[in-house]
Amino acid sequence: VFDDVSAVGDILSHVRGMDLVLEDYEFGDEPRPFLDLNIKYVRGHNYLDLVDELSSLSAVSAVCEQ
């Protein structure tokens, strides 16, 4: 979840720069702008590190898991 729709490109660029496999994503804007990312697990990456990394981005206001 994020506040500024213009941040979508920055968030996707950041995720791609983390050497992860971004299989697909969905953008939505109700009730607030969000990205639903489908990231394939890659050995050597820690899930909690990914959550921390995304949470630390200034444009991101919340990270939720499904």
PDB file of N, CA and C in Angstrom:
ATOM      1  N   VAL A   1       0.857  -1.172   0.000  1.00  0.00           N
ATOM      2  CA  VAL A   1       0.000   0.000   0.000  1.00  0.00           C
ATOM      3  C   VAL A   1       0.897   1.228   0.000  1.00  0.00           C
ATOM      4  N   PHE A   2       0.515   2.208  -0.798  1.00  0.00           N
ATOM      5  CA  PHE A   2       1.322   3.422  -0.852  1.00  0.00           C
ATOM      6  C   PHE A   2       0.408   4.613  -1.087  1.00  0.00           C
ATOM      7  N   ASP A   3       0.938   5.808  -0.875  1.00  0.00           N
ATOM      8  CA  ASP A   3       0.123   7.013  -0.942  1.00  0.00           C
ATOM      9  C   ASP A   3       0.172   7.725  -2.286  1.00  0.00           C
ATOM     10  N   ASP A   4       1.271   7.615  -2.998  1.00  0.00           N
ATOM     11  CA  ASP A   4       1.472   8.383  -4.224  1.00  0.00           C
ATOM     12  C   ASP A   4       1.529   7.441  -5.425  1.00  0.00           C
ATOM     13  N   VAL A   5       0.536   7.511  -6.302  1.00  0.00           N
ATOM     14  CA  VAL A   5       0.452   6.628  -7.465  1.00  0.00           C
ATOM     15  C   VAL A   5       1.698   6.726  -8.344  1.00  0.00           C
ATOM     16  N   SER A   6       2.343   7.869  -8.355  1.00  0.00           N
ATOM     17  CA  SER A   6       3.547   8.031  -9.182  1.00  0.00           C
ATOM     18  C   SER A   6       4.708   7.175  -8.685  1.00  0.00           C
ATOM     19  N   ALA A   7       4.579   6.559  -7.518  1.00  0.00           N
ATOM     20  CA  ALA A   7       5.651   5.739  -6.957  1.00  0.00           C
ATOM     21  C   ALA A   7       5.685   4.325  -7.524  1.00  0.00           C
ATOM     22  N   VAL A   8       4.680   3.923  -8.302  1.00  0.00           N
ATOM     23  CA  VAL A   8       4.604   2.552  -8.824  1.00  0.00           C
ATOM     24  C   VAL A   8       5.888   2.172  -9.557  1.00  0.00           C
ATOM     25  N   GLY A   9       6.337   2.995 -10.464  1.00  0.00           N
ATOM     26  CA  GLY A   9       7.553   2.700 -11.233  1.00  0.00           C
ATOM     27  C   GLY A   9       8.768   2.556 -10.347  1.00  0.00           C
ATOM     28  N   ASP A  10       8.900   3.413  -9.350  1.00  0.00           N
ATOM     29  CA  ASP A  10      10.044   3.336  -8.429  1.00  0.00           C
ATOM     30  C   ASP A  10      10.015   2.044  -7.614  1.00  0.00           C
ATOM     31  N   ILE A  11       8.829   1.664  -7.150  1.00  0.00           N
ATOM     32  CA  ILE A  11       8.709   0.437  -6.356  1.00  0.00           C
ATOM     33  C   ILE A  11       9.045  -0.784  -7.210  1.00  0.00           C
ATOM     34  N   LEU A  12       8.506  -0.849  -8.424  1.00  0.00           N
ATOM     35  CA  LEU A  12       8.803  -1.984  -9.308  1.00  0.00           C
ATOM     36  C   LEU A  12      10.281  -2.033  -9.673  1.00  0.00           C
ATOM     37  N   SER A  13      10.879  -0.890  -9.936  1.00  0.00           N
ATOM     38  CA  SER A  13      12.316  -0.848 -10.248  1.00  0.00           C
ATOM     39  C   SER A  13      13.140  -1.354  -9.077  1.00  0.00           C
ATOM     40  N   HIS A  14      12.744  -0.961  -7.892  1.00  0.00           N
ATOM     41  CA  HIS A  14      13.476  -1.394  -6.698  1.00  0.00           C
ATOM     42  C   HIS A  14      13.381  -2.915  -6.533  1.00  0.00           C
ATOM     43  N   VAL A  15      12.195  -3.475  -6.703  1.00  0.00           N
ATOM     44  CA  VAL A  15      12.016  -4.924  -6.576  1.00  0.00           C
ATOM     45  C   VAL A  15      12.834  -5.650  -7.634  1.00  0.00           C
ATOM     46  N   ARG A  16      12.802  -5.167  -8.863  1.00  0.00           N
ATOM     47  CA  ARG A  16      13.593  -5.807  -9.938  1.00  0.00           C
ATOM     48  C   ARG A  16      15.087  -5.718  -9.651  1.00  0.00           C
ATOM     49  N   GLY A  17      15.522  -4.655  -9.013  1.00  0.00           N
ATOM     50  CA  GLY A  17      16.932  -4.482  -8.670  1.00  0.00           C
ATOM     51  C   GLY A  17      17.389  -5.371  -7.524  1.00  0.00           C
ATOM     52  N   MET A  18      16.453  -6.028  -6.856  1.00  0.00           N
ATOM     53  CA  MET A  18      16.793  -6.913  -5.738  1.00  0.00           C
ATOM     54  C   MET A  18      17.140  -8.321  -6.206  1.00  0.00           C
ATOM     55  N   ASP A  19      17.249  -8.532  -7.503  1.00  0.00           N
ATOM     56  CA  ASP A  19      17.608  -9.831  -8.063  1.00  0.00           C
ATOM     57  C   ASP A  19      16.601 -10.909  -7.665  1.00  0.00           C
ATOM     58  N   LEU A  20      15.317 -10.552  -7.735  1.00  0.00           N
ATOM     59  CA  LEU A  20      14.225 -11.487  -7.485  1.00  0.00           C
ATOM     60  C   LEU A  20      13.522 -11.777  -8.797  1.00  0.00           C
ATOM     61  N   VAL A  21      12.705 -12.812  -8.815  1.00  0.00           N
ATOM     62  CA  VAL A  21      11.928 -13.127  -9.995  1.00  0.00           C
ATOM     63  C   VAL A  21      10.516 -12.579  -9.781  1.00  0.00           C
ATOM     64  N   LEU A  22      10.225 -11.457 -10.423  1.00  0.00           N
ATOM     65  CA  LEU A  22       8.906 -10.846 -10.352  1.00  0.00           C
ATOM     66  C   LEU A  22       8.069 -11.458 -11.465  1.00  0.00           C
ATOM     67  N   GLU A  23       7.208 -12.416 -11.107  1.00  0.00           N
ATOM     68  CA  GLU A  23       6.442 -13.138 -12.118  1.00  0.00           C
ATOM     69  C   GLU A  23       5.329 -12.283 -12.712  1.00  0.00           C
ATOM     70  N   ASP A  24       4.626 -11.550 -11.874  1.00  0.00           N
ATOM     71  CA  ASP A  24       3.622 -10.614 -12.363  1.00  0.00           C
ATOM     72  C   ASP A  24       3.203  -9.703 -11.214  1.00  0.00           C
ATOM     73  N   TYR A  25       2.407  -8.722 -11.553  1.00  0.00           N
ATOM     74  CA  TYR A  25       1.919  -7.809 -10.526  1.00  0.00           C
ATOM     75  C   TYR A  25       0.589  -7.228 -10.981  1.00  0.00           C
ATOM     76  N   GLU A  26      -0.160  -6.752  -9.999  1.00  0.00           N
ATOM     77  CA  GLU A  26      -1.436  -6.106 -10.275  1.00  0.00           C
ATOM     78  C   GLU A  26      -1.474  -4.790  -9.515  1.00  0.00           C
ATOM     79  N   PHE A  27      -1.885  -3.748 -10.197  1.00  0.00           N
ATOM     80  CA  PHE A  27      -2.035  -2.437  -9.578  1.00  0.00           C
ATOM     81  C   PHE A  27      -3.514  -2.197  -9.328  1.00  0.00           C
ATOM     82  N   GLY A  28      -3.824  -1.639  -8.178  1.00  0.00           N
ATOM     83  CA  GLY A  28      -5.201  -1.278  -7.861  1.00  0.00           C
ATOM     84  C   GLY A  28      -5.215   0.041  -7.111  1.00  0.00           C
ATOM     85  N   ASP A  29      -6.384   0.628  -6.984  1.00  0.00           N
ATOM     86  CA  ASP A  29      -6.439   1.915  -6.294  1.00  0.00           C
ATOM     87  C   ASP A  29      -7.606   2.037  -5.327  1.00  0.00           C
ATOM     88  N   GLU A  30      -8.216   0.933  -4.948  1.00  0.00           N
ATOM     89  CA  GLU A  30      -9.328   0.991  -3.999  1.00  0.00           C
ATOM     90  C   GLU A  30      -9.034   0.125  -2.793  1.00  0.00           C
ATOM     91  N   PRO A  31      -9.173   0.549  -1.597  1.00  0.00           N
ATOM     92  CA  PRO A  31      -9.522   1.910  -1.201  1.00  0.00           C
ATOM     93  C   PRO A  31      -8.326   2.857  -1.256  1.00  0.00           C
ATOM     94  N   ARG A  32      -7.099   2.297  -1.308  1.00  0.00           N
ATOM     95  CA  ARG A  32      -5.882   3.102  -1.473  1.00  0.00           C
ATOM     96  C   ARG A  32      -5.031   2.427  -2.530  1.00  0.00           C
ATOM     97  N   PRO A  33      -4.116   3.175  -3.154  1.00  0.00           N
ATOM     98  CA  PRO A  33      -3.255   2.559  -4.178  1.00  0.00           C
ATOM     99  C   PRO A  33      -2.450   1.385  -3.601  1.00  0.00           C
ATOM    100  N   PHE A  34      -2.372   0.296  -4.382  1.00  0.00           N
ATOM    101  CA  PHE A  34      -1.601  -0.861  -3.933  1.00  0.00           C
ATOM    102  C   PHE A  34      -1.000  -1.586  -5.126  1.00  0.00           C
ATOM    103  N   LEU A  35       0.038  -2.359  -4.842  1.00  0.00           N
ATOM    104  CA  LEU A  35       0.616  -3.295  -5.801  1.00  0.00           C
ATOM    105  C   LEU A  35       0.515  -4.676  -5.182  1.00  0.00           C
ATOM    106  N   ASP A  36      -0.006  -5.616  -5.938  1.00  0.00           N
ATOM    107  CA  ASP A  36      -0.041  -7.013  -5.527  1.00  0.00           C
ATOM    108  C   ASP A  36       1.053  -7.693  -6.343  1.00  0.00           C
ATOM    109  N   LEU A  37       2.167  -8.038  -5.691  1.00  0.00           N
ATOM    110  CA  LEU A  37       3.328  -8.599  -6.378  1.00  0.00           C
ATOM    111  C   LEU A  37       3.350 -10.115  -6.230  1.00  0.00           C
ATOM    112  N   ASN A  38       3.627 -10.811  -7.320  1.00  0.00           N
ATOM    113  CA  ASN A  38       3.822 -12.252  -7.294  1.00  0.00           C
ATOM    114  C   ASN A  38       5.305 -12.487  -7.532  1.00  0.00           C
ATOM    115  N   ILE A  39       6.022 -12.769  -6.450  1.00  0.00           N
ATOM    116  CA  ILE A  39       7.476 -12.925  -6.509  1.00  0.00           C
ATOM    117  C   ILE A  39       7.825 -14.383  -6.278  1.00  0.00           C
ATOM    118  N   LYS A  40       8.550 -14.953  -7.209  1.00  0.00           N
ATOM    119  CA  LYS A  40       8.985 -16.344  -7.085  1.00  0.00           C
ATOM    120  C   LYS A  40      10.147 -16.415  -6.101  1.00  0.00           C
ATOM    121  N   TYR A  41      10.074 -17.361  -5.200  1.00  0.00           N
ATOM    122  CA  TYR A  41      11.140 -17.544  -4.214  1.00  0.00           C
ATOM    123  C   TYR A  41      12.446 -17.897  -4.916  1.00  0.00           C
ATOM    124  N   VAL A  42      13.484 -17.240  -4.507  1.00  0.00           N
ATOM    125  CA  VAL A  42      14.818 -17.500  -5.045  1.00  0.00           C
ATOM    126  C   VAL A  42      15.719 -17.845  -3.864  1.00  0.00           C
ATOM    127  N   ARG A  43      16.419 -18.963  -3.975  1.00  0.00           N
ATOM    128  CA  ARG A  43      17.316 -19.364  -2.882  1.00  0.00           C
ATOM    129  C   ARG A  43      18.287 -18.234  -2.559  1.00  0.00           C
ATOM    130  N   GLY A  44      18.552 -18.091  -1.296  1.00  0.00           N
ATOM    131  CA  GLY A  44      19.478 -17.053  -0.863  1.00  0.00           C
ATOM    132  C   GLY A  44      18.766 -15.776  -0.461  1.00  0.00           C
ATOM    133  N   HIS A  45      17.465 -15.681  -0.738  1.00  0.00           N
ATOM    134  CA  HIS A  45      16.692 -14.514  -0.327  1.00  0.00           C
ATOM    135  C   HIS A  45      15.823 -14.896   0.864  1.00  0.00           C
ATOM    136  N   ASN A  46      15.785 -14.028   1.821  1.00  0.00           N
ATOM    137  CA  ASN A  46      15.000 -14.241   3.020  1.00  0.00           C
ATOM    138  C   ASN A  46      13.712 -13.443   2.920  1.00  0.00           C
ATOM    139  N   TYR A  47      12.609 -14.102   3.175  1.00  0.00           N
ATOM    140  CA  TYR A  47      11.297 -13.459   3.082  1.00  0.00           C
ATOM    141  C   TYR A  47      11.206 -12.228   3.993  1.00  0.00           C
ATOM    142  N   LEU A  48      11.669 -12.352   5.219  1.00  0.00           N
ATOM    143  CA  LEU A  48      11.589 -11.226   6.160  1.00  0.00           C
ATOM    144  C   LEU A  48      12.454 -10.057   5.704  1.00  0.00           C
ATOM    145  N   ASP A  49      13.586 -10.355   5.084  1.00  0.00           N
ATOM    146  CA  ASP A  49      14.422  -9.287   4.528  1.00  0.00           C
ATOM    147  C   ASP A  49      13.689  -8.549   3.416  1.00  0.00           C
ATOM    148  N   LEU A  50      12.956  -9.286   2.600  1.00  0.00           N
ATOM    149  CA  LEU A  50      12.180  -8.676   1.522  1.00  0.00           C
ATOM    150  C   LEU A  50      11.110  -7.748   2.096  1.00  0.00           C
ATOM    151  N   VAL A  51      10.396  -8.207   3.103  1.00  0.00           N
ATOM    152  CA  VAL A  51       9.365  -7.381   3.742  1.00  0.00           C
ATOM    153  C   VAL A  51       9.995  -6.125   4.342  1.00  0.00           C
ATOM    154  N   ASP A  52      11.119  -6.283   5.034  1.00  0.00           N
ATOM    155  CA  ASP A  52      11.811  -5.123   5.622  1.00  0.00           C
ATOM    156  C   ASP A  52      12.259  -4.140   4.547  1.00  0.00           C
ATOM    157  N   GLU A  53      12.796  -4.669   3.466  1.00  0.00           N
ATOM    158  CA  GLU A  53      13.292  -3.830   2.372  1.00  0.00           C
ATOM    159  C   GLU A  53      12.154  -3.011   1.757  1.00  0.00           C
ATOM    160  N   LEU A  54      11.046  -3.671   1.469  1.00  0.00           N
ATOM    161  CA  LEU A  54       9.906  -2.966   0.886  1.00  0.00           C
ATOM    162  C   LEU A  54       9.309  -1.965   1.872  1.00  0.00           C
ATOM    163  N   SER A  55       9.256  -2.337   3.132  1.00  0.00           N
ATOM    164  CA  SER A  55       8.710  -1.442   4.157  1.00  0.00           C
ATOM    165  C   SER A  55       9.554  -0.192   4.338  1.00  0.00           C
ATOM    166  N   SER A  56      10.840  -0.305   4.052  1.00  0.00           N
ATOM    167  CA  SER A  56      11.750   0.825   4.267  1.00  0.00           C
ATOM    168  C   SER A  56      11.657   1.889   3.168  1.00  0.00           C
ATOM    169  N   LEU A  57      11.002   1.558   2.040  1.00  0.00           N
ATOM    170  CA  LEU A  57      10.874   2.530   0.959  1.00  0.00           C
ATOM    171  C   LEU A  57       9.966   3.670   1.409  1.00  0.00           C
ATOM    172  N   SER A  58      10.385   4.887   1.165  1.00  0.00           N
ATOM    173  CA  SER A  58       9.619   6.039   1.642  1.00  0.00           C
ATOM    174  C   SER A  58       8.215   6.101   1.037  1.00  0.00           C
ATOM    175  N   ALA A  59       8.031   5.570  -0.155  1.00  0.00           N
ATOM    176  CA  ALA A  59       6.711   5.621  -0.815  1.00  0.00           C
ATOM    177  C   ALA A  59       5.741   4.583  -0.277  1.00  0.00           C
ATOM    178  N   VAL A  60       6.251   3.574   0.426  1.00  0.00           N
ATOM    179  CA  VAL A  60       5.426   2.465   0.896  1.00  0.00           C
ATOM    180  C   VAL A  60       4.924   2.744   2.296  1.00  0.00           C
ATOM    181  N   SER A  61       3.604   2.637   2.485  1.00  0.00           N
ATOM    182  CA  SER A  61       3.054   2.878   3.823  1.00  0.00           C
ATOM    183  C   SER A  61       2.684   1.585   4.534  1.00  0.00           C
ATOM    184  N   ALA A  62       2.564   0.458   3.815  1.00  0.00           N
ATOM    185  CA  ALA A  62       2.271  -0.832   4.447  1.00  0.00           C
ATOM    186  C   ALA A  62       2.647  -1.967   3.513  1.00  0.00           C
ATOM    187  N   VAL A  63       3.083  -3.072   4.098  1.00  0.00           N
ATOM    188  CA  VAL A  63       3.364  -4.297   3.358  1.00  0.00           C
ATOM    189  C   VAL A  63       2.535  -5.389   4.006  1.00  0.00           C
ATOM    190  N   CYS A  64       1.726  -6.064   3.211  1.00  0.00           N
ATOM    191  CA  CYS A  64       0.841  -7.124   3.711  1.00  0.00           C
ATOM    192  C   CYS A  64       1.161  -8.406   2.952  1.00  0.00           C
ATOM    193  N   GLU A  65       0.998  -9.529   3.628  1.00  0.00           N
ATOM    194  CA  GLU A  65       1.234 -10.801   2.960  1.00  0.00           C
ATOM    195  C   GLU A  65      -0.072 -11.553   2.790  1.00  0.00           C
ATOM    196  N   GLN A  66      -0.100 -12.387   1.758  1.00  0.00           N
ATOM    197  CA  GLN A  66      -1.297 -13.212   1.516  1.00  0.00           C
ATOM    198  C   GLN A  66      -0.893 -14.649   1.448  1.00  0.00           C
TER     199      GLN A  66
END
